[in-house]
Amino acid sequence: MNIKLFQKLINELIEEGVQVHKLTLLQISYSLNLYKKLYRSMGVQ
C-alpha cells in the first residue's frame, strides 16, 4: 500500500475519533447537568 495513502487514512480515522470523542463529552456534560437539575428539583442537595 502507498505510504502517503496509508497516512491519509490514519489521519482521517484519528480526526473521526476526535469528533466522536467531543460529541461524547458533550453528551456526558449535558447528562450531568440534567441530573443536577433533577436532584435540585427533588430537594436533594
Protein backbone atom coordinates (compact mmCIF):
# COMPACT_ATOMS: atom_id res chain seq x y z
CA MET A 1 0.00 0.00 0.00
CA ASN A 2 1.16 3.52 -0.79
CA ILE A 3 2.58 5.11 2.38
CA LYS A 4 1.01 8.54 1.69
CA LEU A 5 -2.40 6.91 1.21
CA PHE A 6 -1.93 4.99 4.45
CA GLN A 7 -1.02 8.17 6.36
CA LYS A 8 -4.08 9.94 4.95
CA LEU A 9 -6.30 7.06 6.06
CA ILE A 10 -4.84 7.10 9.58
CA ASN A 11 -5.25 10.89 9.85
CA GLU A 12 -8.90 10.63 8.78
CA LEU A 13 -9.55 7.89 11.34
CA ILE A 14 -7.91 9.97 14.09
CA GLU A 15 -10.00 13.03 13.18
CA GLU A 16 -13.18 10.97 13.18
CA GLY A 17 -12.24 9.64 16.60
CA VAL A 18 -11.69 13.16 17.90
CA GLN A 19 -15.11 14.27 16.59
CA VAL A 20 -16.81 11.29 18.24
CA HIS A 21 -14.90 11.98 21.47
CA LYS A 22 -16.03 15.62 21.53
CA LEU A 23 -19.62 14.57 20.94
CA THR A 24 -19.42 12.03 23.75
CA LEU A 25 -18.02 14.63 26.15
CA LEU A 26 -20.85 17.00 25.21
CA GLN A 27 -23.42 14.29 25.91
CA ILE A 28 -21.82 13.45 29.26
CA SER A 29 -21.75 17.07 30.43
CA TYR A 30 -25.33 17.55 29.26
CA SER A 31 -26.41 14.44 31.17
CA LEU A 32 -24.60 15.61 34.31
CA ASN A 33 -26.35 18.97 34.14
CA LEU A 34 -29.70 17.22 33.71
CA TYR A 35 -29.06 15.04 36.76
CA LYS A 36 -28.10 18.08 38.84
CA LYS A 37 -31.34 19.82 37.88
CA LEU A 38 -33.35 16.71 38.69
CA TYR A 39 -31.75 16.37 42.12
CA ARG A 40 -32.34 20.05 42.88
CA SER A 41 -35.99 19.81 41.86
CA MET A 42 -36.41 16.83 44.20
CA GLY A 43 -34.85 18.81 47.04
CA VAL A 44 -31.72 16.66 47.27
CA GLN A 45 -28.52 18.68 47.57
